[in-house]
Amino acid sequence: MRIFIILTLLLGLLFSYEIKAGEQKNHCYDADANLEWEALIQKYPGDKQIHALHALRIGLCLKVDRGDITVDEANAIFENMRSALVRAKERERDKELEDSKKEEKGV
């Protein structure tokens, strides 16, 4: 169940990002997004995947601020990692469901 909640939260983050006129919004200074991340860290302090995404976000914001990468590049990097972590959570959830079904059947 915990995996499902975290998966839902990670998927929700996807929809919190909007694209306007070909250029993606810089979420580094978005107060609501920052509060949402802090709430996730507080709610799931032991979830290394959420910590990894949060750390990646902080690092990408720093690189955008320094001019090393563009906002579009940072968003693409973040979304690639987020998607990979969501897929990993989905596989983990599917395995738990499969194991649960086997236990119910007594296999």
N, C-alpha and C. Protein backbone atom coordinates (compact mmCIF):
# COMPACT_ATOMS: atom_id res chain seq x y z
N MET A 1 0.81 -1.19 0.00
CA MET A 1 0.00 0.00 0.00
C MET A 1 0.86 1.27 0.00
N ARG A 2 1.95 1.22 0.77
CA ARG A 2 2.85 2.38 0.85
C ARG A 2 3.43 2.69 -0.52
N ILE A 3 3.77 1.66 -1.28
CA ILE A 3 4.32 1.86 -2.61
C ILE A 3 3.30 2.55 -3.50
N PHE A 4 2.04 2.15 -3.39
CA PHE A 4 0.99 2.76 -4.20
C PHE A 4 0.87 4.24 -3.88
N ILE A 5 0.94 4.60 -2.60
CA ILE A 5 0.85 6.01 -2.20
C ILE A 5 2.01 6.80 -2.77
N ILE A 6 3.21 6.27 -2.64
CA ILE A 6 4.40 6.96 -3.15
C ILE A 6 4.33 7.07 -4.66
N LEU A 7 3.91 6.01 -5.33
CA LEU A 7 3.77 6.03 -6.78
C LEU A 7 2.79 7.11 -7.20
N THR A 8 1.68 7.21 -6.48
CA THR A 8 0.68 8.23 -6.78
C THR A 8 1.26 9.63 -6.60
N LEU A 9 2.03 9.82 -5.53
CA LEU A 9 2.66 11.13 -5.31
C LEU A 9 3.65 11.47 -6.41
N LEU A 10 4.45 10.49 -6.82
CA LEU A 10 5.42 10.75 -7.89
C LEU A 10 4.71 11.06 -9.20
N LEU A 11 3.64 10.34 -9.48
CA LEU A 11 2.88 10.64 -10.69
C LEU A 11 2.25 12.02 -10.60
N GLY A 12 1.81 12.39 -9.40
CA GLY A 12 1.23 13.71 -9.21
C GLY A 12 2.20 14.82 -9.50
N LEU A 13 3.47 14.58 -9.18
CA LEU A 13 4.49 15.59 -9.47
C LEU A 13 4.60 15.85 -10.97
N LEU A 14 4.37 14.82 -11.76
CA LEU A 14 4.42 14.97 -13.21
C LEU A 14 3.42 16.02 -13.66
N PHE A 15 2.22 15.96 -13.11
CA PHE A 15 1.17 16.85 -13.55
C PHE A 15 1.28 18.24 -12.95
N SER A 16 2.19 18.43 -12.01
CA SER A 16 2.39 19.76 -11.44
C SER A 16 3.30 20.62 -12.32
N TYR A 17 3.88 20.02 -13.33
CA TYR A 17 4.74 20.76 -14.24
C TYR A 17 3.97 21.11 -15.50
N GLU A 18 4.02 22.36 -15.89
CA GLU A 18 3.30 22.79 -17.07
C GLU A 18 4.27 23.29 -18.13
N ILE A 19 3.87 23.14 -19.38
CA ILE A 19 4.69 23.59 -20.50
C ILE A 19 3.97 24.76 -21.17
N LYS A 20 4.70 25.85 -21.38
CA LYS A 20 4.11 27.02 -22.00
C LYS A 20 4.97 27.45 -23.18
N ALA A 21 4.34 27.57 -24.33
CA ALA A 21 4.96 28.11 -25.54
C ALA A 21 6.33 27.49 -25.81
N GLY A 22 6.45 26.19 -25.64
CA GLY A 22 7.69 25.50 -25.97
C GLY A 22 8.76 25.58 -24.91
N GLU A 23 8.61 26.46 -23.94
CA GLU A 23 9.60 26.56 -22.87
C GLU A 23 8.95 26.14 -21.56
N GLN A 24 9.65 25.30 -20.85
CA GLN A 24 9.10 24.80 -19.60
C GLN A 24 9.34 25.79 -18.47
N LYS A 25 8.42 25.78 -17.52
CA LYS A 25 8.49 26.68 -16.38
C LYS A 25 9.64 26.27 -15.46
N ASN A 26 10.32 27.26 -14.90
CA ASN A 26 11.37 27.03 -13.91
C ASN A 26 10.69 26.88 -12.55
N HIS A 27 10.72 25.67 -12.01
CA HIS A 27 10.05 25.38 -10.75
C HIS A 27 10.96 25.59 -9.53
N CYS A 28 12.17 26.02 -9.75
CA CYS A 28 13.12 26.18 -8.65
C CYS A 28 12.64 27.18 -7.61
N TYR A 29 11.95 28.20 -8.04
CA TYR A 29 11.50 29.25 -7.13
C TYR A 29 9.99 29.22 -6.91
N ASP A 30 9.37 28.11 -7.25
CA ASP A 30 7.94 27.93 -7.06
C ASP A 30 7.69 27.55 -5.60
N ALA A 31 7.12 28.48 -4.83
CA ALA A 31 6.93 28.27 -3.39
C ALA A 31 6.07 27.04 -3.12
N ASP A 32 5.02 26.84 -3.91
CA ASP A 32 4.15 25.68 -3.69
C ASP A 32 4.90 24.38 -3.94
N ALA A 33 5.69 24.34 -5.00
CA ALA A 33 6.46 23.13 -5.31
C ALA A 33 7.49 22.86 -4.21
N ASN A 34 8.13 23.91 -3.73
CA ASN A 34 9.12 23.74 -2.66
C ASN A 34 8.47 23.21 -1.39
N LEU A 35 7.30 23.72 -1.05
CA LEU A 35 6.57 23.23 0.13
C LEU A 35 6.14 21.77 -0.06
N GLU A 36 5.72 21.44 -1.27
CA GLU A 36 5.31 20.07 -1.56
C GLU A 36 6.49 19.10 -1.38
N TRP A 37 7.66 19.49 -1.85
CA TRP A 37 8.84 18.64 -1.68
C TRP A 37 9.20 18.47 -0.22
N GLU A 38 9.16 19.56 0.53
CA GLU A 38 9.47 19.48 1.96
C GLU A 38 8.47 18.58 2.68
N ALA A 39 7.20 18.67 2.30
CA ALA A 39 6.18 17.82 2.92
C ALA A 39 6.43 16.35 2.60
N LEU A 40 6.84 16.05 1.36
CA LEU A 40 7.15 14.67 0.99
C LEU A 40 8.31 14.12 1.81
N ILE A 41 9.33 14.92 1.98
CA ILE A 41 10.51 14.50 2.75
C ILE A 41 10.12 14.24 4.20
N GLN A 42 9.27 15.10 4.74
CA GLN A 42 8.82 14.92 6.13
C GLN A 42 7.94 13.69 6.27
N LYS A 43 7.07 13.46 5.29
CA LYS A 43 6.11 12.35 5.37
C LYS A 43 6.78 11.00 5.15
N TYR A 44 7.79 10.96 4.27
CA TYR A 44 8.47 9.72 3.93
C TYR A 44 9.99 9.85 4.13
N PRO A 45 10.42 10.04 5.37
CA PRO A 45 11.85 10.30 5.62
C PRO A 45 12.76 9.13 5.23
N GLY A 46 12.23 7.94 5.17
CA GLY A 46 13.06 6.78 4.84
C GLY A 46 13.04 6.39 3.38
N ASP A 47 12.30 7.11 2.55
CA ASP A 47 12.18 6.75 1.13
C ASP A 47 13.35 7.36 0.35
N LYS A 48 14.30 6.52 0.02
CA LYS A 48 15.52 6.99 -0.67
C LYS A 48 15.23 7.50 -2.07
N GLN A 49 14.17 7.00 -2.70
CA GLN A 49 13.85 7.47 -4.06
C GLN A 49 13.33 8.90 -4.04
N ILE A 50 12.53 9.23 -3.04
CA ILE A 50 12.07 10.61 -2.92
C ILE A 50 13.24 11.52 -2.58
N HIS A 51 14.12 11.06 -1.70
CA HIS A 51 15.32 11.85 -1.38
C HIS A 51 16.20 12.04 -2.62
N ALA A 52 16.31 11.00 -3.43
CA ALA A 52 17.12 11.10 -4.65
C ALA A 52 16.54 12.14 -5.60
N LEU A 53 15.23 12.11 -5.79
CA LEU A 53 14.60 13.10 -6.67
C LEU A 53 14.74 14.51 -6.10
N HIS A 54 14.58 14.64 -4.81
CA HIS A 54 14.72 15.96 -4.17
C HIS A 54 16.14 16.50 -4.34
N ALA A 55 17.12 15.63 -4.10
CA ALA A 55 18.52 16.04 -4.27
C ALA A 55 18.81 16.39 -5.73
N LEU A 56 18.27 15.61 -6.65
CA LEU A 56 18.45 15.90 -8.07
C LEU A 56 17.85 17.26 -8.40
N ARG A 57 16.67 17.53 -7.89
CA ARG A 57 16.01 18.81 -8.13
C ARG A 57 16.87 19.97 -7.63
N ILE A 58 17.40 19.84 -6.41
CA ILE A 58 18.24 20.89 -5.84
C ILE A 58 19.48 21.11 -6.72
N GLY A 59 20.10 20.02 -7.14
CA GLY A 59 21.29 20.13 -7.98
C GLY A 59 21.00 20.73 -9.34
N LEU A 60 19.87 20.34 -9.93
CA LEU A 60 19.50 20.88 -11.23
C LEU A 60 19.21 22.38 -11.12
N CYS A 61 18.55 22.78 -10.04
CA CYS A 61 18.29 24.22 -9.84
C CYS A 61 19.59 25.00 -9.75
N LEU A 62 20.55 24.45 -9.05
CA LEU A 62 21.86 25.10 -8.94
C LEU A 62 22.51 25.23 -10.32
N LYS A 63 22.45 24.17 -11.12
CA LYS A 63 23.06 24.20 -12.45
C LYS A 63 22.35 25.19 -13.37
N VAL A 64 21.02 25.30 -13.25
CA VAL A 64 20.28 26.28 -14.04
C VAL A 64 20.68 27.69 -13.61
N ASP A 65 20.76 27.92 -12.30
CA ASP A 65 21.14 29.24 -11.80
C ASP A 65 22.54 29.65 -12.26
N ARG A 66 23.44 28.68 -12.35
CA ARG A 66 24.81 28.98 -12.80
C ARG A 66 24.91 29.13 -14.31
N GLY A 67 23.86 28.72 -15.01
CA GLY A 67 23.87 28.80 -16.46
C GLY A 67 24.51 27.60 -17.14
N ASP A 68 24.74 26.52 -16.37
CA ASP A 68 25.34 25.31 -16.94
C ASP A 68 24.39 24.59 -17.90
N ILE A 69 23.10 24.61 -17.55
CA ILE A 69 22.08 23.96 -18.38
C ILE A 69 20.86 24.88 -18.43
N THR A 70 20.01 24.63 -19.41
CA THR A 70 18.78 25.41 -19.53
C THR A 70 17.69 24.79 -18.67
N VAL A 71 16.62 25.55 -18.49
CA VAL A 71 15.45 25.04 -17.75
C VAL A 71 14.90 23.81 -18.47
N ASP A 72 14.82 23.87 -19.80
CA ASP A 72 14.31 22.72 -20.56
C ASP A 72 15.17 21.48 -20.34
N GLU A 73 16.50 21.66 -20.35
CA GLU A 73 17.39 20.52 -20.12
C GLU A 73 17.22 19.97 -18.71
N ALA A 74 17.10 20.86 -17.73
CA ALA A 74 16.92 20.42 -16.35
C ALA A 74 15.61 19.65 -16.18
N ASN A 75 14.55 20.17 -16.80
CA ASN A 75 13.26 19.48 -16.71
C ASN A 75 13.32 18.12 -17.38
N ALA A 76 14.02 18.02 -18.50
CA ALA A 76 14.14 16.73 -19.20
C ALA A 76 14.91 15.72 -18.34
N ILE A 77 16.00 16.18 -17.73
CA ILE A 77 16.79 15.30 -16.86
C ILE A 77 15.94 14.83 -15.68
N PHE A 78 15.22 15.76 -15.05
CA PHE A 78 14.39 15.42 -13.90
C PHE A 78 13.30 14.43 -14.31
N GLU A 79 12.63 14.70 -15.41
CA GLU A 79 11.54 13.83 -15.85
C GLU A 79 12.04 12.43 -16.22
N ASN A 80 13.22 12.35 -16.82
CA ASN A 80 13.79 11.03 -17.13
C ASN A 80 14.02 10.22 -15.85
N MET A 81 14.58 10.87 -14.83
CA MET A 81 14.84 10.17 -13.58
C MET A 81 13.54 9.84 -12.86
N ARG A 82 12.62 10.79 -12.84
CA ARG A 82 11.33 10.55 -12.19
C ARG A 82 10.61 9.39 -12.85
N SER A 83 10.61 9.35 -14.17
CA SER A 83 9.97 8.25 -14.90
C SER A 83 10.61 6.91 -14.57
N ALA A 84 11.93 6.89 -14.49
CA ALA A 84 12.64 5.65 -14.15
C ALA A 84 12.26 5.19 -12.74
N LEU A 85 12.17 6.11 -11.80
CA LEU A 85 11.80 5.74 -10.44
C LEU A 85 10.35 5.30 -10.34
N VAL A 86 9.47 5.93 -11.10
CA VAL A 86 8.07 5.50 -11.12
C VAL A 86 7.97 4.08 -11.68
N ARG A 87 8.70 3.80 -12.75
CA ARG A 87 8.69 2.44 -13.32
C ARG A 87 9.21 1.43 -12.30
N ALA A 88 10.25 1.80 -11.55
CA ALA A 88 10.80 0.90 -10.53
C ALA A 88 9.75 0.66 -9.44
N LYS A 89 9.05 1.70 -9.01
CA LYS A 89 7.99 1.55 -8.01
C LYS A 89 6.86 0.66 -8.54
N GLU A 90 6.51 0.83 -9.81
CA GLU A 90 5.46 0.00 -10.41
C GLU A 90 5.87 -1.46 -10.43
N ARG A 91 7.12 -1.73 -10.79
CA ARG A 91 7.60 -3.12 -10.78
C ARG A 91 7.58 -3.69 -9.37
N GLU A 92 7.99 -2.88 -8.41
CA GLU A 92 7.99 -3.32 -7.01
C GLU A 92 6.56 -3.61 -6.54
N ARG A 93 5.63 -2.74 -6.90
CA ARG A 93 4.22 -2.93 -6.54
C ARG A 93 3.67 -4.20 -7.18
N ASP A 94 3.97 -4.39 -8.47
CA ASP A 94 3.50 -5.58 -9.17
C ASP A 94 4.04 -6.85 -8.55
N LYS A 95 5.30 -6.83 -8.16
CA LYS A 95 5.90 -8.00 -7.52
C LYS A 95 5.24 -8.28 -6.18
N GLU A 96 4.97 -7.24 -5.41
CA GLU A 96 4.30 -7.43 -4.13
C GLU A 96 2.90 -8.01 -4.32
N LEU A 97 2.17 -7.51 -5.33
CA LEU A 97 0.84 -8.05 -5.62
C LEU A 97 0.93 -9.52 -6.03
N GLU A 98 1.89 -9.84 -6.87
CA GLU A 98 2.09 -11.21 -7.32
C GLU A 98 2.43 -12.12 -6.13
N ASP A 99 3.33 -11.67 -5.28
CA ASP A 99 3.70 -12.44 -4.09
C ASP A 99 2.52 -12.63 -3.16
N SER A 100 1.71 -11.59 -3.02
CA SER A 100 0.53 -11.65 -2.16
C SER A 100 -0.47 -12.67 -2.70
N LYS A 101 -0.67 -12.69 -4.00
CA LYS A 101 -1.58 -13.66 -4.62
C LYS A 101 -1.09 -15.08 -4.43
N LYS A 102 0.24 -15.27 -4.54
CA LYS A 102 0.81 -16.60 -4.33
C LYS A 102 0.60 -17.06 -2.90
N GLU A 103 0.76 -16.13 -1.95
CA GLU A 103 0.55 -16.47 -0.54
C GLU A 103 -0.90 -16.87 -0.28
N GLU A 104 -1.83 -16.15 -0.93
CA GLU A 104 -3.25 -16.47 -0.76
C GLU A 104 -3.57 -17.86 -1.30
N LYS A 105 -2.92 -18.25 -2.37
CA LYS A 105 -3.16 -19.57 -2.96
C LYS A 105 -2.37 -20.65 -2.25
N GLY A 106 -1.46 -20.24 -1.39
CA GLY A 106 -0.66 -21.22 -0.66
C GLY A 106 0.47 -21.80 -1.46
N VAL A 107 0.96 -21.06 -2.47
CA VAL A 107 2.05 -21.53 -3.31
C VAL A 107 3.37 -21.17 -2.70
